[in-house]
Amino acid sequence: MRATKILERLLAALPIMLGVAVLVFLFMRLTPGDPVDIMMGQGGAVSPGEMAQLRSEFHLDEPLHIQLGYFLGDLLRGDLGYSYVQKRAVAELIGERLPATIEMALGALFFALLVSFPIGIISAVRQNSPVDRLSMAGAFVGISMPEFWFGILLILLFAVQLGWLPVSGRIAHGTGLQEITGLYVLDSLLTGNRVALVSSLKHLVLPSVTLGAGAAAVLARVLRSSLIETLRTDYVTLARAKGASENRVVLKHALRNALIPTVTVVGLQIGSLLGGNMIVETVFSWPGLGRLVVNAIFGRDFPLIQGAVMIYALTFVVANLIVDVLYTYLNPKITL
C-alpha cells in the first residue's frame, strides 16, 4: 500500500517537473545575451555566415515554440541536451560534477544535524536560561551571516593563520585514490586508502561548515520551538506524573513528535544545500555542479543550465517525498 502511495506521489510530481522545464526554458530565452555572440567574442573575427550556421545548429533561429518542442522531446527521452560551450553531453558533464556537490551537501547536512540537535534540545529544556539565550543569539548570527564572508573567515583562520586545513580542492595530489562512486570519502573507505581518507576529510571540513552553518541555525531554532510546545502537552505532563525521568520524558516522549516539523525543514534544507551551494563552491574552488552552472550562466549555455535546474528540481521533489515517508514512521497516524 505504501509503495502504491509513493508511486502516486511520483506521478503527481510529473506536472511540477514539466512546469519547471517550461519556466527555465522561457526564462533563459528572455535573459539578455546571445549564446553565439558570447561564444565568438561578440562576433569580432567571425563571419555572419558562420554565426548563422551555429545558430541553425543550436536551433536558435527557430521560433520559440519549436525550440521548446525540441527541448521537451529530448527531455522525455532522458536526453538533457548538448552543451553549446563544452561540446559535450549535458548528462555527462553533470554526472562528472554531481558527486562533488553531493559530498559537500552531505558533509554540510551532517554538520548541521550534529550542531543543531544538541543546541535545540538543550535550549528547549533550559528555556530562557543563559545557555538558551546564548545559543539562540548564535543561531541568529548563523542565519544572517553571508556564506562567502563566513567562508573567507574560516580560510583566513584555519588555512592561512593556523595552517590546519587546505584552502581549495577536494583532495591532495598523489594520494592514489581509486574512484568508484565519485564520493572521495566513501571511495577512500571502500578501497582502504587511509591517506586519501584523511586528505579528503580535511578538504571537506571548511566547505561543509560554511555551507552547513546557516542550516544548523535554522534547524536549531525550529527544533527548540517545536520541542518547547511539545513539552507543554498533556501526555508529557502525564509521563512526568508517572515518575519518568526528565531525560526519558524529553528524548522518548517529547522529541519524537517534536521532530515532525524539524524533518520538514531538513527536507527543504537538503534541496537548498544541493542547489544553493554555488557561492561556497566558488569560494573554495570546489569542482562541483554549482561552479559548472555559474560558468554556464555567464556563457549563456542554455542546455547545461536547463539540465542542472532539472536536476535541482528533481532533488527537491525526492527530498520532500522522503520527508513525507518519514512522517509515517514518526507518527503512524499520518498517511501519505
Protein backbone atom coordinates (compact mmCIF):
# COMPACT_ATOMS: atom_id res chain seq x y z
CA MET A 1 0.00 0.00 0.00
CA ARG A 2 2.80 2.41 0.91
CA ALA A 3 4.63 1.61 -2.35
CA THR A 4 1.46 2.46 -4.29
CA LYS A 5 1.16 5.81 -2.49
CA ILE A 6 4.79 6.60 -3.23
CA LEU A 7 4.25 5.82 -6.90
CA GLU A 8 1.19 8.09 -6.92
CA ARG A 9 3.24 10.91 -5.39
CA LEU A 10 5.95 10.44 -8.02
CA LEU A 11 3.38 10.58 -10.82
CA ALA A 12 1.84 13.70 -9.25
CA ALA A 13 5.29 15.34 -9.39
CA LEU A 14 5.48 14.99 -13.18
CA PRO A 15 3.39 18.14 -13.85
CA ILE A 16 5.65 20.04 -11.46
CA MET A 17 8.76 18.90 -13.34
CA LEU A 18 7.10 19.84 -16.63
CA GLY A 19 6.29 23.30 -15.28
CA VAL A 20 9.87 23.76 -14.11
CA ALA A 21 11.16 22.67 -17.53
CA VAL A 22 8.96 25.18 -19.37
CA LEU A 23 9.77 28.03 -16.97
CA VAL A 24 13.53 27.53 -17.06
CA PHE A 25 13.39 27.33 -20.86
CA LEU A 26 11.45 30.57 -21.17
CA PHE A 27 13.48 32.48 -18.59
CA MET A 28 16.76 31.52 -20.25
CA ARG A 29 15.48 32.74 -23.64
CA LEU A 30 14.36 36.02 -22.07
CA THR A 31 17.79 36.58 -20.48
CA PRO A 32 19.81 39.23 -22.36
CA GLY A 33 22.77 37.91 -24.30
CA ASP A 34 23.15 35.74 -27.38
CA PRO A 35 24.99 32.44 -26.76
CA VAL A 36 26.61 32.57 -30.21
CA ASP A 37 27.80 36.17 -29.73
CA ILE A 38 29.31 35.27 -26.35
CA MET A 39 30.98 32.13 -27.72
CA MET A 40 32.50 34.02 -30.63
CA GLY A 41 33.66 37.04 -28.65
CA GLN A 42 30.75 39.23 -29.74
CA GLY A 43 31.38 38.28 -33.39
CA GLY A 44 34.68 40.14 -33.72
CA ALA A 45 36.60 37.75 -36.01
CA VAL A 46 33.76 35.51 -37.17
CA SER A 47 31.75 35.99 -40.33
CA PRO A 48 27.97 36.43 -40.18
CA GLY A 49 27.60 33.21 -42.17
CA GLU A 50 29.47 31.18 -39.55
CA MET A 51 27.41 32.67 -36.75
CA ALA A 52 24.19 31.93 -38.66
CA GLN A 53 25.37 28.34 -39.13
CA LEU A 54 25.94 27.98 -35.37
CA ARG A 55 22.50 29.40 -34.58
CA SER A 56 21.00 26.92 -37.00
CA GLU A 57 22.96 24.07 -35.40
CA PHE A 58 21.66 25.04 -31.94
CA HIS A 59 18.11 25.68 -33.31
CA LEU A 60 18.34 29.25 -32.07
CA ASP A 61 16.99 30.50 -35.39
CA GLU A 62 13.76 28.56 -34.90
CA PRO A 63 10.59 30.09 -33.37
CA LEU A 64 10.39 29.83 -29.59
CA HIS A 65 7.68 27.16 -29.54
CA ILE A 66 9.71 24.98 -31.93
CA GLN A 67 12.76 25.27 -29.66
CA LEU A 68 10.59 24.33 -26.68
CA GLY A 69 9.33 21.29 -28.58
CA TYR A 70 12.90 20.15 -29.24
CA PHE A 71 13.77 20.59 -25.57
CA LEU A 72 10.74 18.76 -24.19
CA GLY A 73 11.09 15.98 -26.75
CA ASP A 74 14.71 15.37 -25.73
CA LEU A 75 13.73 15.57 -22.07
CA LEU A 76 11.08 12.87 -22.46
CA ARG A 77 13.76 10.59 -23.92
CA GLY A 78 16.04 11.29 -20.96
CA ASP A 79 18.35 13.47 -23.06
CA LEU A 80 19.37 16.70 -21.34
CA GLY A 81 20.94 18.08 -24.49
CA TYR A 82 24.39 19.07 -25.68
CA SER A 83 26.48 21.86 -24.19
CA TYR A 84 27.00 24.83 -26.51
CA VAL A 85 30.30 25.78 -24.93
CA GLN A 86 31.92 22.50 -23.86
CA LYS A 87 30.67 20.46 -26.83
CA ARG A 88 29.73 17.52 -24.64
CA ALA A 89 26.53 15.86 -23.47
CA VAL A 90 24.95 17.73 -20.56
CA ALA A 91 24.22 14.48 -18.70
CA GLU A 92 27.89 13.56 -18.91
CA LEU A 93 29.03 16.95 -17.59
CA ILE A 94 26.53 16.86 -14.73
CA GLY A 95 27.46 13.27 -13.89
CA GLU A 96 31.11 14.29 -13.51
CA ARG A 97 30.38 17.20 -11.17
CA LEU A 98 27.38 15.93 -9.21
CA PRO A 99 29.31 13.59 -6.82
CA ALA A 100 31.40 16.52 -5.56
CA THR A 101 28.26 18.56 -4.89
CA ILE A 102 26.54 15.63 -3.18
CA GLU A 103 29.57 15.00 -0.97
CA MET A 104 29.74 18.62 0.18
CA ALA A 105 25.97 18.73 0.76
CA LEU A 106 26.12 15.54 2.86
CA GLY A 107 29.01 16.96 4.84
CA ALA A 108 27.08 20.19 5.43
CA LEU A 109 23.96 18.26 6.46
CA PHE A 110 25.97 16.11 8.87
CA PHE A 111 27.48 19.23 10.44
CA ALA A 112 24.07 20.92 10.65
CA LEU A 113 22.45 17.94 12.38
CA LEU A 114 25.43 17.43 14.69
CA VAL A 115 25.27 21.03 15.88
CA SER A 116 21.55 21.79 15.77
CA PHE A 117 20.13 18.82 17.67
CA PRO A 118 22.07 19.25 20.93
CA ILE A 119 21.61 23.03 20.83
CA GLY A 120 17.89 22.80 20.06
CA ILE A 121 17.21 20.21 22.78
CA ILE A 122 19.25 21.95 25.48
CA SER A 123 17.74 25.35 24.63
CA ALA A 124 14.21 23.94 24.85
CA VAL A 125 14.81 22.16 28.16
CA ARG A 126 16.53 25.22 29.65
CA GLN A 127 14.27 27.83 28.13
CA ASN A 128 15.23 31.47 28.86
CA SER A 129 18.41 30.38 30.62
CA PRO A 130 21.77 31.99 29.75
CA VAL A 131 22.60 28.89 27.67
CA ASP A 132 19.36 29.28 25.73
CA ARG A 133 19.88 32.98 25.09
CA LEU A 134 23.49 32.46 24.02
CA SER A 135 22.65 29.60 21.65
CA MET A 136 19.75 31.47 20.06
CA ALA A 137 21.95 34.53 19.62
CA GLY A 138 24.44 32.26 17.86
CA ALA A 139 21.61 30.93 15.70
CA PHE A 140 20.67 34.48 14.68
CA VAL A 141 24.28 35.09 13.69
CA GLY A 142 24.35 31.86 11.69
CA ILE A 143 21.16 32.73 9.81
CA SER A 144 22.20 36.29 8.97
CA MET A 145 25.84 35.58 8.11
CA PRO A 146 26.66 35.59 4.35
CA GLU A 147 28.24 32.33 3.27
CA PHE A 148 31.02 33.91 1.23
CA TRP A 149 32.07 36.08 4.18
CA PHE A 150 31.99 33.19 6.65
CA GLY A 151 33.93 31.01 4.24
CA ILE A 152 36.64 33.64 3.84
CA LEU A 153 36.89 34.00 7.64
CA LEU A 154 37.34 30.24 8.00
CA ILE A 155 40.02 30.24 5.31
CA LEU A 156 41.92 33.09 6.99
CA LEU A 157 41.78 31.39 10.39
CA PHE A 158 42.18 27.67 9.75
CA ALA A 159 44.12 27.70 6.47
CA VAL A 160 46.19 30.90 6.46
CA GLN A 161 46.84 31.56 10.17
CA LEU A 162 46.82 28.07 11.68
CA GLY A 163 47.62 26.04 8.59
CA TRP A 164 45.43 23.15 9.73
CA LEU A 165 43.20 22.76 6.69
CA PRO A 166 43.59 23.23 2.91
CA VAL A 167 42.11 26.20 1.11
CA SER A 168 40.64 24.63 -2.02
CA GLY A 169 40.01 21.47 -3.98
CA ARG A 170 38.72 18.05 -2.92
CA ILE A 171 41.89 16.02 -2.31
CA ALA A 172 45.66 16.41 -2.36
CA HIS A 173 47.69 15.20 -5.32
CA GLY A 174 49.48 11.89 -5.02
CA THR A 175 47.01 10.12 -2.75
CA GLY A 176 46.46 7.37 -5.29
CA LEU A 177 42.71 7.30 -4.79
CA GLN A 178 40.80 4.85 -6.98
CA GLU A 179 37.47 6.44 -7.86
CA ILE A 180 34.42 4.19 -7.62
CA THR A 181 31.44 6.36 -6.72
CA GLY A 182 32.97 9.82 -7.16
CA LEU A 183 32.47 10.48 -3.44
CA TYR A 184 36.06 10.69 -2.28
CA VAL A 185 35.42 9.93 1.40
CA LEU A 186 33.37 6.85 0.53
CA ASP A 187 35.84 5.73 -2.13
CA SER A 188 38.68 6.05 0.39
CA LEU A 189 36.80 3.80 2.80
CA LEU A 190 35.90 1.27 0.10
CA THR A 191 39.50 1.00 -1.12
CA GLY A 192 41.08 1.21 2.34
CA ASN A 193 43.18 4.23 1.33
CA ARG A 194 43.88 5.94 4.65
CA VAL A 195 45.96 8.74 3.12
CA ALA A 196 43.16 9.66 0.71
CA LEU A 197 40.58 9.46 3.52
CA VAL A 198 42.46 11.93 5.71
CA SER A 199 43.09 14.27 2.78
CA SER A 200 39.51 14.21 1.52
CA LEU A 201 38.13 14.81 5.03
CA LYS A 202 40.47 17.77 5.54
CA HIS A 203 39.38 19.30 2.23
CA LEU A 204 35.72 18.71 3.09
CA VAL A 205 35.67 20.38 6.51
CA LEU A 206 35.73 24.08 5.62
CA PRO A 207 33.21 23.94 2.74
CA SER A 208 30.86 21.76 4.80
CA VAL A 209 30.98 24.04 7.83
CA THR A 210 30.48 27.13 5.66
CA LEU A 211 27.52 25.63 3.83
CA GLY A 212 26.00 23.95 6.89
CA ALA A 213 26.21 26.85 9.35
CA GLY A 214 23.03 28.51 8.13
CA ALA A 215 21.14 25.22 8.03
CA ALA A 216 22.30 24.40 11.57
CA ALA A 217 20.97 27.74 12.83
CA VAL A 218 17.57 27.22 11.20
CA LEU A 219 17.23 23.64 12.44
CA ALA A 220 18.22 24.58 15.99
CA ARG A 221 15.55 27.27 16.18
CA VAL A 222 12.85 25.07 14.66
CA LEU A 223 13.66 22.13 16.95
CA ARG A 224 13.72 24.38 20.02
CA SER A 225 10.32 25.93 19.24
CA SER A 226 8.73 22.59 18.42
CA LEU A 227 10.15 20.86 21.49
CA ILE A 228 9.03 23.68 23.82
CA GLU A 229 5.50 23.31 22.51
CA THR A 230 5.59 19.52 22.83
CA LEU A 231 6.89 19.65 26.41
CA ARG A 232 3.70 21.54 27.39
CA THR A 233 1.32 18.86 26.11
CA ASP A 234 -0.81 16.68 28.38
CA TYR A 235 0.88 13.38 27.60
CA VAL A 236 4.26 14.79 28.61
CA THR A 237 2.76 16.05 31.86
CA LEU A 238 1.29 12.57 32.43
CA ALA A 239 4.68 10.94 31.80
CA ARG A 240 6.25 13.21 34.41
CA ALA A 241 3.44 12.45 36.87
CA LYS A 242 4.15 8.73 36.47
CA GLY A 243 7.69 9.35 37.66
CA ALA A 244 9.59 9.13 34.37
CA SER A 245 12.99 10.77 34.44
CA GLU A 246 13.40 14.08 32.65
CA ASN A 247 15.78 12.58 30.11
CA ARG A 248 13.25 9.86 29.28
CA VAL A 249 10.43 12.40 29.03
CA VAL A 250 12.40 14.61 26.66
CA LEU A 251 14.13 12.03 24.49
CA LYS A 252 11.45 9.34 24.29
CA HIS A 253 8.10 11.06 24.71
CA ALA A 254 8.58 14.64 23.51
CA LEU A 255 11.37 14.54 20.94
CA ARG A 256 9.69 12.13 18.52
CA ASN A 257 6.67 14.38 17.99
CA ALA A 258 8.83 17.49 18.01
CA LEU A 259 10.82 16.05 15.10
CA ILE A 260 7.89 16.25 12.65
CA PRO A 261 8.26 19.98 11.79
CA THR A 262 12.04 19.63 12.07
CA VAL A 263 12.08 16.85 9.47
CA THR A 264 10.12 19.15 7.14
CA VAL A 265 12.83 21.78 7.43
CA VAL A 266 15.54 19.14 6.97
CA GLY A 267 13.92 18.10 3.70
CA LEU A 268 13.89 21.68 2.47
CA GLN A 269 17.46 22.19 3.59
CA ILE A 270 18.64 19.15 1.63
CA GLY A 271 17.37 20.74 -1.55
CA SER A 272 18.91 24.07 -0.60
CA LEU A 273 22.27 22.51 0.23
CA LEU A 274 22.41 20.81 -3.16
CA GLY A 275 21.05 23.69 -5.18
CA GLY A 276 22.29 26.73 -3.28
CA ASN A 277 25.97 25.95 -2.95
CA MET A 278 27.28 27.95 -5.92
CA ILE A 279 28.89 30.64 -3.79
CA VAL A 280 30.56 28.16 -1.45
CA GLU A 281 31.89 26.10 -4.35
CA THR A 282 33.32 29.26 -5.89
CA VAL A 283 34.96 30.41 -2.64
CA PHE A 284 36.65 27.04 -2.06
CA SER A 285 37.28 26.18 -5.75
CA TRP A 286 35.18 23.07 -5.22
CA PRO A 287 34.72 21.27 -8.56
CA GLY A 288 31.00 20.69 -8.18
CA LEU A 289 27.83 21.32 -10.10
CA GLY A 290 27.41 24.83 -8.68
CA ARG A 291 30.58 26.17 -10.30
CA LEU A 292 29.63 24.46 -13.55
CA VAL A 293 26.26 26.22 -13.54
CA VAL A 294 27.81 29.61 -12.74
CA ASN A 295 30.15 29.32 -15.74
CA ALA A 296 27.24 28.14 -17.89
CA ILE A 297 25.18 31.19 -16.89
CA PHE A 298 27.97 33.57 -17.89
CA GLY A 299 28.35 31.73 -21.20
CA ARG A 300 24.56 31.50 -21.81
CA ASP A 301 24.96 27.74 -22.20
CA PHE A 302 21.21 27.10 -22.28
CA PRO A 303 21.19 23.26 -22.38
CA LEU A 304 23.60 22.95 -19.45
CA ILE A 305 21.66 25.43 -17.32
CA GLN A 306 18.35 23.75 -18.15
CA GLY A 307 19.74 20.31 -17.32
CA ALA A 308 21.17 21.47 -14.00
CA VAL A 309 17.92 23.16 -12.99
CA MET A 310 16.00 19.96 -13.78
CA ILE A 311 18.38 18.03 -11.50
CA TYR A 312 17.87 20.59 -8.74
CA ALA A 313 14.08 20.40 -9.13
CA LEU A 314 14.18 16.60 -9.03
CA THR A 315 16.22 16.82 -5.83
CA PHE A 316 13.55 18.94 -4.13
CA VAL A 317 10.80 16.56 -5.26
CA VAL A 318 12.62 13.47 -3.99
CA ALA A 319 13.62 15.17 -0.72
CA ASN A 320 10.02 16.14 0.00
CA LEU A 321 8.83 12.63 -0.79
CA ILE A 322 11.38 11.18 1.65
CA VAL A 323 10.17 13.64 4.30
CA ASP A 324 6.57 12.55 3.77
CA VAL A 325 7.57 8.90 4.17
CA LEU A 326 9.46 9.72 7.37
CA TYR A 327 6.31 11.34 8.75
CA THR A 328 4.56 7.97 8.69
CA TYR A 329 7.32 6.48 10.84
CA LEU A 330 7.44 9.33 13.33
CA ASN A 331 3.64 9.41 13.64
CA PRO A 332 1.73 6.32 12.38
CA LYS A 333 -1.48 8.38 12.35
CA ILE A 334 -0.12 10.33 9.38
CA THR A 335 -0.63 8.74 5.97
CA LEU A 336 0.85 9.54 2.60
